[in-house]
Amino acid sequence: MADKDVEQTDQQGHAPGAWWADLGTWGAVATIVLGGVAAAWVTFRLPGTPENLASGYYGAAKVVAIGLVAVGGTLLSRRRARTAATTEETSERERV
């Protein structure tokens, strides 16, 4: 086989992202709300609440934290994209 016929496989690929990486803004907000509902569930000691309440609050806090990070990342990327588009538009006007 010629070198042209061989597929190059030595390229580095990216590892798959975390499950929350593609939530988007509304998915992140829903995750935050879900964490709040879980905290309320533990507070009222509804069925399924763990014996140790601290572990229930810990799990709810993790869900809320994941939602906050996802919404922050989404909003930050939107702001960067908007800033980049504005900067590009301004530099294009200066050229003319």
PDB file of N, CA and C in Angstrom:
ATOM      1  N   MET A   1       0.830  -1.186   0.000  1.00  0.00           N
ATOM      2  CA  MET A   1       0.000   0.000   0.000  1.00  0.00           C
ATOM      3  C   MET A   1       0.870   1.242   0.000  1.00  0.00           C
ATOM      4  N   ALA A   2       0.423   2.216  -0.704  1.00  0.00           N
ATOM      5  CA  ALA A   2       1.138   3.486  -0.729  1.00  0.00           C
ATOM      6  C   ALA A   2       0.777   4.284   0.521  1.00  0.00           C
ATOM      7  N   ASP A   3       1.618   5.241   0.848  1.00  0.00           N
ATOM      8  CA  ASP A   3       1.363   6.076   2.022  1.00  0.00           C
ATOM      9  C   ASP A   3       0.066   6.869   1.884  1.00  0.00           C
ATOM     10  N   LYS A   4      -0.334   7.167   0.670  1.00  0.00           N
ATOM     11  CA  LYS A   4      -1.560   7.928   0.446  1.00  0.00           C
ATOM     12  C   LYS A   4      -2.795   7.121   0.860  1.00  0.00           C
ATOM     13  N   ASP A   5      -2.726   5.804   0.733  1.00  0.00           N
ATOM     14  CA  ASP A   5      -3.871   4.944   1.009  1.00  0.00           C
ATOM     15  C   ASP A   5      -4.062   4.641   2.490  1.00  0.00           C
ATOM     16  N   VAL A   6      -3.067   4.942   3.305  1.00  0.00           N
ATOM     17  CA  VAL A   6      -3.132   4.610   4.725  1.00  0.00           C
ATOM     18  C   VAL A   6      -3.740   5.774   5.495  1.00  0.00           C
ATOM     19  N   GLU A   7      -4.694   5.464   6.324  1.00  0.00           N
ATOM     20  CA  GLU A   7      -5.332   6.495   7.132  1.00  0.00           C
ATOM     21  C   GLU A   7      -4.410   6.878   8.282  1.00  0.00           C
ATOM     22  N   GLN A   8      -4.274   8.164   8.504  1.00  0.00           N
ATOM     23  CA  GLN A   8      -3.434   8.656   9.593  1.00  0.00           C
ATOM     24  C   GLN A   8      -4.206   8.538  10.908  1.00  0.00           C
ATOM     25  N   THR A   9      -3.667   7.767  11.849  1.00  0.00           N
ATOM     26  CA  THR A   9      -4.339   7.586  13.134  1.00  0.00           C
ATOM     27  C   THR A   9      -3.522   8.124  14.295  1.00  0.00           C
ATOM     28  N   ASP A  10      -2.373   8.733  14.004  1.00  0.00           N
ATOM     29  CA  ASP A  10      -1.535   9.208  15.091  1.00  0.00           C
ATOM     30  C   ASP A  10      -1.909  10.622  15.542  1.00  0.00           C
ATOM     31  N   GLN A  11      -2.982  11.167  15.020  1.00  0.00           N
ATOM     32  CA  GLN A  11      -3.412  12.488  15.431  1.00  0.00           C
ATOM     33  C   GLN A  11      -4.070  12.400  16.795  1.00  0.00           C
ATOM     34  N   GLN A  12      -3.795  13.412  17.600  1.00  0.00           N
ATOM     35  CA  GLN A  12      -4.379  13.421  18.934  1.00  0.00           C
ATOM     36  C   GLN A  12      -5.812  13.923  18.855  1.00  0.00           C
ATOM     37  N   GLY A  13      -6.699  13.171  19.448  1.00  0.00           N
ATOM     38  CA  GLY A  13      -8.098  13.582  19.505  1.00  0.00           C
ATOM     39  C   GLY A  13      -8.414  14.108  20.893  1.00  0.00           C
ATOM     40  N   HIS A  14      -9.537  14.729  21.002  1.00  0.00           N
ATOM     41  CA  HIS A  14      -9.966  15.243  22.293  1.00  0.00           C
ATOM     42  C   HIS A  14     -10.789  14.186  23.006  1.00  0.00           C
ATOM     43  N   ALA A  15     -10.615  14.105  24.298  1.00  0.00           N
ATOM     44  CA  ALA A  15     -11.399  13.172  25.097  1.00  0.00           C
ATOM     45  C   ALA A  15     -12.856  13.635  25.117  1.00  0.00           C
ATOM     46  N   PRO A  16     -13.773  12.714  25.278  1.00  0.00           N
ATOM     47  CA  PRO A  16     -15.175  13.140  25.340  1.00  0.00           C
ATOM     48  C   PRO A  16     -15.407  14.047  26.542  1.00  0.00           C
ATOM     49  N   GLY A  17     -16.260  15.014  26.370  1.00  0.00           N
ATOM     50  CA  GLY A  17     -16.518  15.993  27.419  1.00  0.00           C
ATOM     51  C   GLY A  17     -17.405  15.426  28.516  1.00  0.00           C
ATOM     52  N   ALA A  18     -17.553  16.191  29.552  1.00  0.00           N
ATOM     53  CA  ALA A  18     -18.408  15.806  30.662  1.00  0.00           C
ATOM     54  C   ALA A  18     -19.875  15.832  30.229  1.00  0.00           C
ATOM     55  N   TRP A  19     -20.724  15.158  30.960  1.00  0.00           N
ATOM     56  CA  TRP A  19     -22.130  15.064  30.566  1.00  0.00           C
ATOM     57  C   TRP A  19     -22.824  16.414  30.621  1.00  0.00           C
ATOM     58  N   TRP A  20     -22.338  17.338  31.404  1.00  0.00           N
ATOM     59  CA  TRP A  20     -22.995  18.627  31.546  1.00  0.00           C
ATOM     60  C   TRP A  20     -22.420  19.673  30.581  1.00  0.00           C
ATOM     61  N   ALA A  21     -21.462  19.290  29.750  1.00  0.00           N
ATOM     62  CA  ALA A  21     -20.798  20.249  28.878  1.00  0.00           C
ATOM     63  C   ALA A  21     -21.735  20.830  27.820  1.00  0.00           C
ATOM     64  N   ASP A  22     -22.744  20.096  27.413  1.00  0.00           N
ATOM     65  CA  ASP A  22     -23.636  20.557  26.346  1.00  0.00           C
ATOM     66  C   ASP A  22     -25.044  20.882  26.839  1.00  0.00           C
ATOM     67  N   LEU A  23     -25.168  21.280  28.085  1.00  0.00           N
ATOM     68  CA  LEU A  23     -26.491  21.577  28.630  1.00  0.00           C
ATOM     69  C   LEU A  23     -27.095  22.839  28.049  1.00  0.00           C
ATOM     70  N   GLY A  24     -26.287  23.849  27.847  1.00  0.00           N
ATOM     71  CA  GLY A  24     -26.810  25.131  27.396  1.00  0.00           C
ATOM     72  C   GLY A  24     -27.372  25.909  28.577  1.00  0.00           C
ATOM     73  N   THR A  25     -27.866  27.084  28.296  1.00  0.00           N
ATOM     74  CA  THR A  25     -28.338  27.958  29.363  1.00  0.00           C
ATOM     75  C   THR A  25     -29.555  27.390  30.072  1.00  0.00           C
ATOM     76  N   TRP A  26     -30.566  26.978  29.322  1.00  0.00           N
ATOM     77  CA  TRP A  26     -31.795  26.494  29.952  1.00  0.00           C
ATOM     78  C   TRP A  26     -31.592  25.150  30.628  1.00  0.00           C
ATOM     79  N   GLY A  27     -30.738  24.320  30.097  1.00  0.00           N
ATOM     80  CA  GLY A  27     -30.427  23.056  30.753  1.00  0.00           C
ATOM     81  C   GLY A  27     -29.708  23.283  32.072  1.00  0.00           C
ATOM     82  N   ALA A  28     -28.836  24.280  32.096  1.00  0.00           N
ATOM     83  CA  ALA A  28     -28.128  24.611  33.332  1.00  0.00           C
ATOM     84  C   ALA A  28     -29.082  25.184  34.370  1.00  0.00           C
ATOM     85  N   VAL A  29     -30.010  26.025  33.927  1.00  0.00           N
ATOM     86  CA  VAL A  29     -31.005  26.579  34.854  1.00  0.00           C
ATOM     87  C   VAL A  29     -31.877  25.453  35.406  1.00  0.00           C
ATOM     88  N   ALA A  30     -32.247  24.504  34.563  1.00  0.00           N
ATOM     89  CA  ALA A  30     -33.040  23.357  35.021  1.00  0.00           C
ATOM     90  C   ALA A  30     -32.253  22.519  36.024  1.00  0.00           C
ATOM     91  N   THR A  31     -30.956  22.391  35.827  1.00  0.00           N
ATOM     92  CA  THR A  31     -30.119  21.652  36.763  1.00  0.00           C
ATOM     93  C   THR A  31     -30.059  22.359  38.115  1.00  0.00           C
ATOM     94  N   ILE A  32     -29.969  23.679  38.102  1.00  0.00           N
ATOM     95  CA  ILE A  32     -29.973  24.450  39.352  1.00  0.00           C
ATOM     96  C   ILE A  32     -31.304  24.257  40.080  1.00  0.00           C
ATOM     97  N   VAL A  33     -32.404  24.320  39.348  1.00  0.00           N
ATOM     98  CA  VAL A  33     -33.727  24.120  39.951  1.00  0.00           C
ATOM     99  C   VAL A  33     -33.842  22.705  40.511  1.00  0.00           C
ATOM    100  N   LEU A  34     -33.338  21.723  39.788  1.00  0.00           N
ATOM    101  CA  LEU A  34     -33.365  20.341  40.261  1.00  0.00           C
ATOM    102  C   LEU A  34     -32.584  20.199  41.568  1.00  0.00           C
ATOM    103  N   GLY A  35     -31.450  20.870  41.679  1.00  0.00           N
ATOM    104  CA  GLY A  35     -30.689  20.851  42.917  1.00  0.00           C
ATOM    105  C   GLY A  35     -31.454  21.497  44.061  1.00  0.00           C
ATOM    106  N   GLY A  36     -32.161  22.575  43.775  1.00  0.00           N
ATOM    107  CA  GLY A  36     -32.989  23.229  44.793  1.00  0.00           C
ATOM    108  C   GLY A  36     -34.129  22.332  45.252  1.00  0.00           C
ATOM    109  N   VAL A  37     -34.742  21.632  44.318  1.00  0.00           N
ATOM    110  CA  VAL A  37     -35.819  20.699  44.668  1.00  0.00           C
ATOM    111  C   VAL A  37     -35.265  19.557  45.519  1.00  0.00           C
ATOM    112  N   ALA A  38     -34.079  19.078  45.178  1.00  0.00           N
ATOM    113  CA  ALA A  38     -33.458  18.012  45.969  1.00  0.00           C
ATOM    114  C   ALA A  38     -33.161  18.492  47.390  1.00  0.00           C
ATOM    115  N   ALA A  39     -32.704  19.731  47.532  1.00  0.00           N
ATOM    116  CA  ALA A  39     -32.443  20.277  48.863  1.00  0.00           C
ATOM    117  C   ALA A  39     -33.742  20.406  49.659  1.00  0.00           C
ATOM    118  N   ALA A  40     -34.811  20.848  49.004  1.00  0.00           N
ATOM    119  CA  ALA A  40     -36.103  20.943  49.681  1.00  0.00           C
ATOM    120  C   ALA A  40     -36.612  19.558  50.079  1.00  0.00           C
ATOM    121  N   TRP A  41     -36.378  18.587  49.212  1.00  0.00           N
ATOM    122  CA  TRP A  41     -36.769  17.207  49.492  1.00  0.00           C
ATOM    123  C   TRP A  41     -36.096  16.711  50.770  1.00  0.00           C
ATOM    124  N   VAL A  42     -34.822  16.997  50.896  1.00  0.00           N
ATOM    125  CA  VAL A  42     -34.074  16.582  52.088  1.00  0.00           C
ATOM    126  C   VAL A  42     -34.547  17.366  53.304  1.00  0.00           C
ATOM    127  N   THR A  43     -34.826  18.648  53.131  1.00  0.00           N
ATOM    128  CA  THR A  43     -35.257  19.486  54.247  1.00  0.00           C
ATOM    129  C   THR A  43     -36.557  18.971  54.857  1.00  0.00           C
ATOM    130  N   PHE A  44     -37.504  18.587  54.006  1.00  0.00           N
ATOM    131  CA  PHE A  44     -38.792  18.110  54.488  1.00  0.00           C
ATOM    132  C   PHE A  44     -38.800  16.617  54.800  1.00  0.00           C
ATOM    133  N   ARG A  45     -37.662  15.966  54.625  1.00  0.00           N
ATOM    134  CA  ARG A  45     -37.480  14.535  54.922  1.00  0.00           C
ATOM    135  C   ARG A  45     -38.555  13.682  54.257  1.00  0.00           C
ATOM    136  N   LEU A  46     -38.731  13.918  52.984  1.00  0.00           N
ATOM    137  CA  LEU A  46     -39.683  13.149  52.199  1.00  0.00           C
ATOM    138  C   LEU A  46     -39.112  11.751  51.939  1.00  0.00           C
ATOM    139  N   PRO A  47     -39.935  10.827  51.445  1.00  0.00           N
ATOM    140  CA  PRO A  47     -39.453   9.456  51.222  1.00  0.00           C
ATOM    141  C   PRO A  47     -38.224   9.431  50.309  1.00  0.00           C
ATOM    142  N   GLY A  48     -37.266   8.620  50.668  1.00  0.00           N
ATOM    143  CA  GLY A  48     -36.032   8.505  49.903  1.00  0.00           C
ATOM    144  C   GLY A  48     -34.911   9.363  50.440  1.00  0.00           C
ATOM    145  N   THR A  49     -35.192  10.127  51.504  1.00  0.00           N
ATOM    146  CA  THR A  49     -34.163  10.963  52.119  1.00  0.00           C
ATOM    147  C   THR A  49     -33.179  10.075  52.857  1.00  0.00           C
ATOM    148  N   PRO A  50     -31.865  10.319  52.694  1.00  0.00           N
ATOM    149  CA  PRO A  50     -30.890   9.488  53.393  1.00  0.00           C
ATOM    150  C   PRO A  50     -30.946   9.713  54.913  1.00  0.00           C
ATOM    151  N   GLU A  51     -30.463   8.712  55.645  1.00  0.00           N
ATOM    152  CA  GLU A  51     -30.419   8.814  57.112  1.00  0.00           C
ATOM    153  C   GLU A  51     -29.585  10.018  57.537  1.00  0.00           C
ATOM    154  N   ASN A  52     -28.440  10.168  56.903  1.00  0.00           N
ATOM    155  CA  ASN A  52     -27.541  11.285  57.210  1.00  0.00           C
ATOM    156  C   ASN A  52     -27.937  12.455  56.309  1.00  0.00           C
ATOM    157  N   LEU A  53     -28.541  13.472  56.876  1.00  0.00           N
ATOM    158  CA  LEU A  53     -29.040  14.596  56.072  1.00  0.00           C
ATOM    159  C   LEU A  53     -27.914  15.338  55.359  1.00  0.00           C
ATOM    160  N   ALA A  54     -26.730  15.339  55.951  1.00  0.00           N
ATOM    161  CA  ALA A  54     -25.604  16.052  55.334  1.00  0.00           C
ATOM    162  C   ALA A  54     -25.276  15.476  53.958  1.00  0.00           C
ATOM    163  N   SER A  55     -25.395  14.177  53.787  1.00  0.00           N
ATOM    164  CA  SER A  55     -25.101  13.586  52.484  1.00  0.00           C
ATOM    165  C   SER A  55     -26.148  13.997  51.455  1.00  0.00           C
ATOM    166  N   GLY A  56     -27.392  14.168  51.884  1.00  0.00           N
ATOM    167  CA  GLY A  56     -28.433  14.647  50.970  1.00  0.00           C
ATOM    168  C   GLY A  56     -28.189  16.072  50.531  1.00  0.00           C
ATOM    169  N   TYR A  57     -27.823  16.923  51.486  1.00  0.00           N
ATOM    170  CA  TYR A  57     -27.508  18.315  51.141  1.00  0.00           C
ATOM    171  C   TYR A  57     -26.259  18.399  50.270  1.00  0.00           C
ATOM    172  N   TYR A  58     -25.303  17.528  50.527  1.00  0.00           N
ATOM    173  CA  TYR A  58     -24.077  17.507  49.731  1.00  0.00           C
ATOM    174  C   TYR A  58     -24.395  17.177  48.264  1.00  0.00           C
ATOM    175  N   GLY A  59     -25.235  16.179  48.056  1.00  0.00           N
ATOM    176  CA  GLY A  59     -25.620  15.812  46.689  1.00  0.00           C
ATOM    177  C   GLY A  59     -26.368  16.933  45.993  1.00  0.00           C
ATOM    178  N   ALA A  60     -27.272  17.580  46.721  1.00  0.00           N
ATOM    179  CA  ALA A  60     -28.024  18.696  46.139  1.00  0.00           C
ATOM    180  C   ALA A  60     -27.096  19.855  45.805  1.00  0.00           C
ATOM    181  N   ALA A  61     -26.137  20.118  46.676  1.00  0.00           N
ATOM    182  CA  ALA A  61     -25.187  21.202  46.431  1.00  0.00           C
ATOM    183  C   ALA A  61     -24.320  20.916  45.211  1.00  0.00           C
ATOM    184  N   LYS A  62     -23.961  19.647  45.006  1.00  0.00           N
ATOM    185  CA  LYS A  62     -23.172  19.300  43.818  1.00  0.00           C
ATOM    186  C   LYS A  62     -23.966  19.562  42.544  1.00  0.00           C
ATOM    187  N   VAL A  63     -25.241  19.217  42.550  1.00  0.00           N
ATOM    188  CA  VAL A  63     -26.077  19.447  41.368  1.00  0.00           C
ATOM    189  C   VAL A  63     -26.212  20.937  41.095  1.00  0.00           C
ATOM    190  N   VAL A  64     -26.427  21.729  42.134  1.00  0.00           N
ATOM    191  CA  VAL A  64     -26.533  23.184  41.970  1.00  0.00           C
ATOM    192  C   VAL A  64     -25.212  23.751  41.456  1.00  0.00           C
ATOM    193  N   ALA A  65     -24.092  23.277  41.996  1.00  0.00           N
ATOM    194  CA  ALA A  65     -22.780  23.775  41.564  1.00  0.00           C
ATOM    195  C   ALA A  65     -22.521  23.452  40.097  1.00  0.00           C
ATOM    196  N   ILE A  66     -22.885  22.267  39.665  1.00  0.00           N
ATOM    197  CA  ILE A  66     -22.710  21.907  38.251  1.00  0.00           C
ATOM    198  C   ILE A  66     -23.550  22.830  37.373  1.00  0.00           C
ATOM    199  N   GLY A  67     -24.768  23.111  37.795  1.00  0.00           N
ATOM    200  CA  GLY A  67     -25.630  24.026  37.040  1.00  0.00           C
ATOM    201  C   GLY A  67     -25.062  25.426  36.976  1.00  0.00           C
ATOM    202  N   LEU A  68     -24.506  25.897  38.101  1.00  0.00           N
ATOM    203  CA  LEU A  68     -23.920  27.242  38.116  1.00  0.00           C
ATOM    204  C   LEU A  68     -22.701  27.335  37.208  1.00  0.00           C
ATOM    205  N   VAL A  69     -21.872  26.315  37.221  1.00  0.00           N
ATOM    206  CA  VAL A  69     -20.694  26.321  36.344  1.00  0.00           C
ATOM    207  C   VAL A  69     -21.117  26.275  34.880  1.00  0.00           C
ATOM    208  N   ALA A  70     -22.110  25.456  34.565  1.00  0.00           N
ATOM    209  CA  ALA A  70     -22.574  25.357  33.177  1.00  0.00           C
ATOM    210  C   ALA A  70     -23.190  26.658  32.698  1.00  0.00           C
ATOM    211  N   VAL A  71     -24.026  27.296  33.526  1.00  0.00           N
ATOM    212  CA  VAL A  71     -24.635  28.558  33.107  1.00  0.00           C
ATOM    213  C   VAL A  71     -23.576  29.652  33.009  1.00  0.00           C
ATOM    214  N   GLY A  72     -22.617  29.664  33.896  1.00  0.00           N
ATOM    215  CA  GLY A  72     -21.537  30.651  33.819  1.00  0.00           C
ATOM    216  C   GLY A  72     -20.692  30.472  32.573  1.00  0.00           C
ATOM    217  N   GLY A  73     -20.372  29.234  32.251  1.00  0.00           N
ATOM    218  CA  GLY A  73     -19.595  28.964  31.038  1.00  0.00           C
ATOM    219  C   GLY A  73     -20.341  29.331  29.776  1.00  0.00           C
ATOM    220  N   THR A  74     -21.623  29.045  29.752  1.00  0.00           N
ATOM    221  CA  THR A  74     -22.441  29.382  28.588  1.00  0.00           C
ATOM    222  C   THR A  74     -22.535  30.888  28.395  1.00  0.00           C
ATOM    223  N   LEU A  75     -22.813  31.593  29.477  1.00  0.00           N
ATOM    224  CA  LEU A  75     -22.935  33.048  29.369  1.00  0.00           C
ATOM    225  C   LEU A  75     -21.601  33.700  29.034  1.00  0.00           C
ATOM    226  N   LEU A  76     -20.515  33.171  29.586  1.00  0.00           N
ATOM    227  CA  LEU A  76     -19.192  33.706  29.282  1.00  0.00           C
ATOM    228  C   LEU A  76     -18.828  33.492  27.816  1.00  0.00           C
ATOM    229  N   SER A  77     -19.145  32.318  27.272  1.00  0.00           N
ATOM    230  CA  SER A  77     -18.831  32.073  25.865  1.00  0.00           C
ATOM    231  C   SER A  77     -19.671  32.951  24.946  1.00  0.00           C
ATOM    232  N   ARG A  78     -20.916  33.218  25.319  1.00  0.00           N
ATOM    233  CA  ARG A  78     -21.746  34.123  24.522  1.00  0.00           C
ATOM    234  C   ARG A  78     -21.183  35.535  24.539  1.00  0.00           C
ATOM    235  N   ARG A  79     -20.718  35.953  25.707  1.00  0.00           N
ATOM    236  CA  ARG A  79     -20.156  37.302  25.817  1.00  0.00           C
ATOM    237  C   ARG A  79     -18.879  37.423  24.999  1.00  0.00           C
ATOM    238  N   ARG A  80     -18.039  36.391  25.048  1.00  0.00           N
ATOM    239  CA  ARG A  80     -16.804  36.420  24.254  1.00  0.00           C
ATOM    240  C   ARG A  80     -17.101  36.448  22.769  1.00  0.00           C
ATOM    241  N   ALA A  81     -18.093  35.676  22.345  1.00  0.00           N
ATOM    242  CA  ALA A  81     -18.456  35.661  20.927  1.00  0.00           C
ATOM    243  C   ALA A  81     -18.981  37.016  20.495  1.00  0.00           C
ATOM    244  N   ARG A  82     -19.784  37.645  21.332  1.00  0.00           N
ATOM    245  CA  ARG A  82     -20.322  38.966  21.008  1.00  0.00           C
ATOM    246  C   ARG A  82     -19.206  39.996  20.942  1.00  0.00           C
ATOM    247  N   THR A  83     -18.260  39.936  21.877  1.00  0.00           N
ATOM    248  CA  THR A  83     -17.134  40.866  21.889  1.00  0.00           C
ATOM    249  C   THR A  83     -16.254  40.672  20.659  1.00  0.00           C
ATOM    250  N   ALA A  84     -16.016  39.405  20.298  1.00  0.00           N
ATOM    251  CA  ALA A  84     -15.203  39.123  19.112  1.00  0.00           C
ATOM    252  C   ALA A  84     -15.885  39.646  17.852  1.00  0.00           C
ATOM    253  N   ALA A  85     -17.196  39.483  17.750  1.00  0.00           N
ATOM    254  CA  ALA A  85     -17.916  39.967  16.573  1.00  0.00           C
ATOM    255  C   ALA A  85     -17.876  41.491  16.505  1.00  0.00           C
ATOM    256  N   THR A  86     -18.005  42.148  17.637  1.00  0.00           N
ATOM    257  CA  THR A  86     -17.954  43.610  17.679  1.00  0.00           C
ATOM    258  C   THR A  86     -16.571  44.109  17.296  1.00  0.00           C
ATOM    259  N   THR A  87     -15.543  43.458  17.820  1.00  0.00           N
ATOM    260  CA  THR A  87     -14.167  43.848  17.507  1.00  0.00           C
ATOM    261  C   THR A  87     -13.873  43.644  16.022  1.00  0.00           C
ATOM    262  N   GLU A  88     -14.335  42.535  15.478  1.00  0.00           N
ATOM    263  CA  GLU A  88     -14.123  42.248  14.061  1.00  0.00           C
ATOM    264  C   GLU A  88     -14.841  43.283  13.191  1.00  0.00           C
ATOM    265  N   GLU A  89     -16.042  43.648  13.583  1.00  0.00           N
ATOM    266  CA  GLU A  89     -16.814  44.627  12.830  1.00  0.00           C
ATOM    267  C   GLU A  89     -16.132  45.999  12.876  1.00  0.00           C
ATOM    268  N   THR A  90     -15.606  46.371  14.027  1.00  0.00           N
ATOM    269  CA  THR A  90     -14.931  47.654  14.184  1.00  0.00           C
ATOM    270  C   THR A  90     -13.655  47.703  13.354  1.00  0.00           C
ATOM    271  N   SER A  91     -12.862  46.627  13.367  1.00  0.00           N
ATOM    272  CA  SER A  91     -11.632  46.613  12.584  1.00  0.00           C
ATOM    273  C   SER A  91     -11.923  46.616  11.099  1.00  0.00           C
ATOM    274  N   GLU A  92     -13.044  46.008  10.689  1.00  0.00           N
ATOM    275  CA  GLU A  92     -13.430  46.019   9.287  1.00  0.00           C
ATOM    276  C   GLU A  92     -13.812  47.427   8.839  1.00  0.00           C
ATOM    277  N   ARG A  93     -14.475  48.163   9.686  1.00  0.00           N
ATOM    278  CA  ARG A  93     -14.840  49.546   9.354  1.00  0.00           C
ATOM    279  C   ARG A  93     -13.623  50.426   9.227  1.00  0.00           C
ATOM    280  N   GLU A  94     -12.618  50.205  10.061  1.00  0.00           N
ATOM    281  CA  GLU A  94     -11.388  51.021  10.031  1.00  0.00           C
ATOM    282  C   GLU A  94     -10.608  50.799   8.749  1.00  0.00           C
ATOM    283  N   ARG A  95     -10.692  49.609   8.194  1.00  0.00           N
ATOM    284  CA  ARG A  95      -9.979  49.305   6.949  1.00  0.00           C
ATOM    285  C   ARG A  95     -10.540  50.095   5.777  1.00  0.00           C
ATOM    286  N   VAL A  96     -11.832  50.367   5.823  1.00  0.00           N
ATOM    287  CA  VAL A  96     -12.506  51.050   4.705  1.00  0.00           C
ATOM    288  C   VAL A  96     -12.244  52.500   4.749  1.00  0.00           C
TER     289      VAL A  96
END
